[in-house]
């Protein structure tokens, strides 16, 4: 959604939507992380170093994406909590 449209929406609702979307992304990526970890085990057992490297790179990339999304989720939750405190003006 464009920033212009977000300015006209309820900021609290936007924050809640961002939190929900972040959790959904983390949930989906966690499934793929499990698959990549299993592939890494399989390639390691088979002695396929090229496959192992690919699986590990994919695994690390997905873990990093989840880590960054989780940091954004925490920041959004803190922003939402701060906005609910009385006397706080943004």
Foldseek 3Di string as FASTA:
>chain_A
DDPVVCVVDDVLVVLVVLLVVLVVLLVVLVVVLVVLVVQLVVCVVVVPVVSNVVSVVSNVVSVVVNVVSVVVNVVSVVVSVQVPDPPDDD
